[in-house]
C-alpha atoms as a PDB file:
ATOM      1  CA  MET A   1       0.000   0.000   0.000  1.00  0.00           C
ATOM      2  CA  MET A   2       2.822   2.416   0.854  1.00  0.00           C
ATOM      3  CA  PHE A   3       4.546   1.564  -2.424  1.00  0.00           C
ATOM      4  CA  ARG A   4       1.369   2.327  -4.404  1.00  0.00           C
ATOM      5  CA  SER A   5       0.999   5.660  -2.618  1.00  0.00           C
ATOM      6  CA  PHE A   6       4.649   6.487  -3.257  1.00  0.00           C
ATOM      7  CA  LEU A   7       4.331   5.491  -6.907  1.00  0.00           C
ATOM      8  CA  ALA A   8       1.197   7.618  -7.282  1.00  0.00           C
ATOM      9  CA  ILE A   9       2.959  10.657  -5.784  1.00  0.00           C
ATOM     10  CA  VAL A  10       5.939  10.205  -8.104  1.00  0.00           C
ATOM     11  CA  LEU A  11       3.674   9.751 -11.143  1.00  0.00           C
ATOM     12  CA  TRP A  12       1.591  12.854 -10.407  1.00  0.00           C
ATOM     13  CA  GLY A  13       4.758  14.822  -9.649  1.00  0.00           C
ATOM     14  CA  LEU A  14       6.200  13.869 -13.016  1.00  0.00           C
ATOM     15  CA  MET A  15       2.962  14.915 -14.694  1.00  0.00           C
ATOM     16  CA  SER A  16       3.090  18.298 -13.011  1.00  0.00           C
ATOM     17  CA  PHE A  17       6.734  18.709 -14.071  1.00  0.00           C
ATOM     18  CA  ALA A  18       5.884  17.673 -17.628  1.00  0.00           C
ATOM     19  CA  ALA A  19       3.188  20.344 -17.727  1.00  0.00           C
ATOM     20  CA  LEU A  20       5.889  23.003 -17.496  1.00  0.00           C
ATOM     21  CA  ALA A  21       7.669  21.731 -20.606  1.00  0.00           C
ATOM     22  CA  ASP A  22       5.006  22.481 -23.227  1.00  0.00           C
ATOM     23  CA  PRO A  23       1.857  24.180 -21.978  1.00  0.00           C
ATOM     24  CA  ILE A  24      -1.534  23.362 -23.460  1.00  0.00           C
ATOM     25  CA  SER A  25      -3.280  26.298 -25.101  1.00  0.00           C
ATOM     26  CA  ALA A  26      -6.437  27.682 -23.502  1.00  0.00           C
ATOM     27  CA  THR A  27      -8.334  26.734 -26.678  1.00  0.00           C
ATOM     28  CA  ASP A  28      -7.185  23.111 -26.515  1.00  0.00           C
ATOM     29  CA  LYS A  29      -7.893  22.919 -22.778  1.00  0.00           C
ATOM     30  CA  ALA A  30     -11.437  24.153 -23.360  1.00  0.00           C
ATOM     31  CA  GLU A  31     -11.877  21.592 -26.142  1.00  0.00           C
ATOM     32  CA  PHE A  32     -10.551  18.747 -23.943  1.00  0.00           C
ATOM     33  CA  GLN A  33     -13.049  19.708 -21.249  1.00  0.00           C
ATOM     34  CA  ARG A  34     -15.916  19.964 -23.736  1.00  0.00           C
ATOM     35  CA  ILE A  35     -15.159  16.516 -25.178  1.00  0.00           C
ATOM     36  CA  ILE A  36     -14.752  14.817 -21.787  1.00  0.00           C
ATOM     37  CA  THR A  37     -17.948  16.422 -20.464  1.00  0.00           C
ATOM     38  CA  ALA A  38     -19.849  15.325 -23.579  1.00  0.00           C
ATOM     39  CA  GLN A  39     -18.575  11.764 -23.197  1.00  0.00           C
ATOM     40  CA  ILE A  40     -19.586  11.660 -19.523  1.00  0.00           C
ATOM     41  CA  THR A  41     -23.012  13.006 -20.516  1.00  0.00           C
ATOM     42  CA  ALA A  42     -23.281  10.148 -23.021  1.00  0.00           C
ATOM     43  CA  PHE A  43     -22.217   7.639 -20.335  1.00  0.00           C
ATOM     44  CA  ARG A  44     -24.886   8.958 -17.961  1.00  0.00           C
ATOM     45  CA  ALA A  45     -27.500   8.525 -20.719  1.00  0.00           C
ATOM     46  CA  ASP A  46     -26.171   5.048 -21.600  1.00  0.00           C
ATOM     47  CA  ASP A  47     -25.644   6.353 -25.130  1.00  0.00           C
ATOM     48  CA  GLY A  48     -22.830   4.044 -26.209  1.00  0.00           C
ATOM     49  CA  LEU A  49     -22.738   5.321 -29.767  1.00  0.00           C
ATOM     50  CA  ALA A  50     -22.226   8.946 -28.682  1.00  0.00           C
ATOM     51  CA  ALA A  51     -19.650   7.984 -26.025  1.00  0.00           C
ATOM     52  CA  TYR A  52     -17.749   5.826 -28.517  1.00  0.00           C
ATOM     53  CA  ASP A  53     -17.634   8.723 -30.996  1.00  0.00           C
ATOM     54  CA  PHE A  54     -15.234  10.572 -28.649  1.00  0.00           C
ATOM     55  CA  ALA A  55     -12.763   7.657 -28.579  1.00  0.00           C
ATOM     56  CA  ALA A  56      -9.554   7.924 -30.603  1.00  0.00           C
ATOM     57  CA  PRO A  57      -8.793   5.316 -33.279  1.00  0.00           C
ATOM     58  CA  VAL A  58      -6.307   3.596 -30.956  1.00  0.00           C
ATOM     59  CA  VAL A  59      -9.156   2.925 -28.509  1.00  0.00           C
ATOM     60  CA  ARG A  60     -11.526   1.834 -31.284  1.00  0.00           C
ATOM     61  CA  LYS A  61      -8.984  -0.752 -32.470  1.00  0.00           C
ATOM     62  CA  ILE A  62      -9.054  -2.381 -29.036  1.00  0.00           C
ATOM     63  CA  PHE A  63     -12.794  -1.977 -28.359  1.00  0.00           C
ATOM     64  CA  THR A  64     -14.272  -2.613 -31.788  1.00  0.00           C
ATOM     65  CA  SER A  65     -17.888  -1.637 -31.131  1.00  0.00           C
ATOM     66  CA  PRO A  66     -19.829   0.775 -28.918  1.00  0.00           C
ATOM     67  CA  GLU A  67     -21.213  -2.197 -26.965  1.00  0.00           C
ATOM     68  CA  ILE A  68     -17.755  -3.616 -26.187  1.00  0.00           C
ATOM     69  CA  PHE A  69     -16.500  -0.135 -25.304  1.00  0.00           C
ATOM     70  CA  MET A  70     -19.409   0.533 -22.939  1.00  0.00           C
ATOM     71  CA  SER A  71     -18.971  -2.857 -21.272  1.00  0.00           C
ATOM     72  CA  MET A  72     -15.331  -2.009 -20.555  1.00  0.00           C
ATOM     73  CA  VAL A  73     -16.257   1.425 -19.184  1.00  0.00           C
ATOM     74  CA  LYS A  74     -19.012   0.023 -16.945  1.00  0.00           C
ATOM     75  CA  GLN A  75     -16.654  -2.606 -15.500  1.00  0.00           C
ATOM     76  CA  GLY A  76     -13.405  -0.676 -15.156  1.00  0.00           C
ATOM     77  CA  TYR A  77     -14.268   3.013 -15.081  1.00  0.00           C
ATOM     78  CA  ARG A  78     -17.347   3.373 -12.867  1.00  0.00           C
ATOM     79  CA  PRO A  79     -16.180   6.720 -11.435  1.00  0.00           C
ATOM     80  CA  VAL A  80     -16.394   8.348 -14.889  1.00  0.00           C
ATOM     81  CA  TYR A  81     -19.293   6.182 -16.047  1.00  0.00           C
ATOM     82  CA  ARG A  82     -21.494   7.349 -13.162  1.00  0.00           C
ATOM     83  CA  PRO A  83     -19.740  10.226 -11.392  1.00  0.00           C
ATOM     84  CA  GLN A  84     -21.473  12.036  -8.571  1.00  0.00           C
ATOM     85  CA  SER A  85     -19.439  15.067  -9.616  1.00  0.00           C
ATOM     86  CA  PHE A  86     -16.276  16.040 -11.438  1.00  0.00           C
ATOM     87  CA  THR A  87     -14.052  19.099 -11.594  1.00  0.00           C
ATOM     88  CA  PHE A  88     -11.400  19.819 -14.180  1.00  0.00           C
ATOM     89  CA  THR A  89      -7.963  20.810 -12.954  1.00  0.00           C
ATOM     90  CA  GLU A  90      -4.897  21.258 -15.148  1.00  0.00           C
ATOM     91  CA  ALA A  91      -4.235  20.412 -18.765  1.00  0.00           C
ATOM     92  CA  LEU A  92      -0.693  19.192 -19.241  1.00  0.00           C
ATOM     93  CA  ILE A  93       1.768  17.200 -21.275  1.00  0.00           C
ATOM     94  CA  ASP A  94       2.101  13.802 -19.587  1.00  0.00           C
ATOM     95  CA  PRO A  95       5.468  12.055 -19.007  1.00  0.00           C
ATOM     96  CA  MET A  96       5.047  10.282 -22.358  1.00  0.00           C
ATOM     97  CA  GLY A  97       4.704  13.639 -24.147  1.00  0.00           C
ATOM     98  CA  ARG A  98       0.943  13.369 -24.745  1.00  0.00           C
ATOM     99  CA  PRO A  99      -1.541  16.208 -24.208  1.00  0.00           C
ATOM    100  CA  SER A 100      -3.725  15.358 -21.222  1.00  0.00           C
ATOM    101  CA  GLN A 101      -6.495  16.747 -19.041  1.00  0.00           C
ATOM    102  CA  LYS A 102      -6.594  16.087 -15.306  1.00  0.00           C
ATOM    103  CA  MET A 103      -9.766  16.139 -13.254  1.00  0.00           C
ATOM    104  CA  THR A 104     -11.047  15.204  -9.833  1.00  0.00           C
ATOM    105  CA  VAL A 105     -13.999  12.812  -9.794  1.00  0.00           C
ATOM    106  CA  VAL A 106     -16.303  11.703  -7.002  1.00  0.00           C
ATOM    107  CA  GLY A 107     -17.433   8.246  -8.023  1.00  0.00           C
ATOM    108  CA  PRO A 108     -20.743   6.528  -7.340  1.00  0.00           C
ATOM    109  CA  ASP A 109     -19.065   4.909  -4.312  1.00  0.00           C
ATOM    110  CA  GLY A 110     -18.431   8.346  -2.746  1.00  0.00           C
ATOM    111  CA  LYS A 111     -14.668   7.948  -3.134  1.00  0.00           C
ATOM    112  CA  THR A 112     -12.543  10.630  -4.750  1.00  0.00           C
ATOM    113  CA  TYR A 113     -10.377   9.869  -7.772  1.00  0.00           C
ATOM    114  CA  VAL A 114      -7.993  11.705 -10.038  1.00  0.00           C
ATOM    115  CA  ALA A 115      -8.643  10.981 -13.699  1.00  0.00           C
ATOM    116  CA  LEU A 116      -6.056  11.712 -16.349  1.00  0.00           C
ATOM    117  CA  TYR A 117      -7.473  11.783 -19.870  1.00  0.00           C
ATOM    118  CA  THR A 118      -4.943  11.396 -22.666  1.00  0.00           C
ATOM    119  CA  MET A 119      -5.968  13.286 -25.769  1.00  0.00           C
ATOM    120  CA  GLU A 120      -4.969  12.637 -29.380  1.00  0.00           C
ATOM    121  CA  LYS A 121      -5.166  15.137 -32.230  1.00  0.00           C
ATOM    122  CA  GLN A 122      -6.655  13.672 -35.392  1.00  0.00           C
ATOM    123  CA  PRO A 123      -5.474  14.403 -38.950  1.00  0.00           C
ATOM    124  CA  ASP A 124      -8.494  16.699 -39.422  1.00  0.00           C
ATOM    125  CA  GLY A 125      -7.430  18.768 -36.378  1.00  0.00           C
ATOM    126  CA  THR A 126     -10.102  17.470 -33.987  1.00  0.00           C
ATOM    127  CA  TRP A 127      -9.287  15.920 -30.619  1.00  0.00           C
ATOM    128  CA  ARG A 128     -10.325  12.473 -29.374  1.00  0.00           C
ATOM    129  CA  ILE A 129      -9.839  10.638 -26.076  1.00  0.00           C
ATOM    130  CA  ALA A 130      -6.976   8.137 -26.345  1.00  0.00           C
ATOM    131  CA  GLY A 131      -7.151   6.845 -22.771  1.00  0.00           C
ATOM    132  CA  CYS A 132      -8.086   7.480 -19.184  1.00  0.00           C
ATOM    133  CA  THR A 133      -6.130   6.594 -16.070  1.00  0.00           C
ATOM    134  CA  LEU A 134      -7.932   6.579 -12.720  1.00  0.00           C
ATOM    135  CA  LEU A 135      -6.242   6.821  -9.357  1.00  0.00           C
ATOM    136  CA  GLU A 136      -8.185   6.673  -6.105  1.00  0.00           C
ATOM    137  CA  ILE A 137      -7.142   9.284  -3.577  1.00  0.00           C
ATOM    138  CA  PRO A 138      -6.965   7.287  -0.340  1.00  0.00           C
ATOM    139  CA  GLY A 139      -8.802   8.747   2.630  1.00  0.00           C
ATOM    140  CA  VAL A 140     -10.668  11.403   0.622  1.00  0.00           C
ATOM    141  CA  ASP A 141     -14.363  10.594   0.477  1.00  0.00           C
ATOM    142  CA  ALA A 142     -17.168  12.916  -0.500  1.00  0.00           C
END
């Protein structure tokens, strides 16, 4: 447990450091937040087709239909599938050099999580969600 907490602190510290290297524009940050909010709205409505539309091609290659995608989200990402609330924090470049949006989420279980959404720019200039990493914040419940 201590190792996981230490690893989480190191990971988030690296992400904060990486944010200094190449800041995200205000326009891109607003677009990240719009896309993530729209996908969460689709999750809340159980609209798999709309939610799947925000997924980047890399995600679509793994989860080849809206039904498979939604099944994965329901099983592994309940805090963003059915959040009680969420608040966006910083947009940053993650340690792998990818544009990302951080947010705090209160899940349906009342626990607080940090979600890091990795974003991917498409050839047509639009953004899509290429991944989401969730980390529970121990001892912080809503």
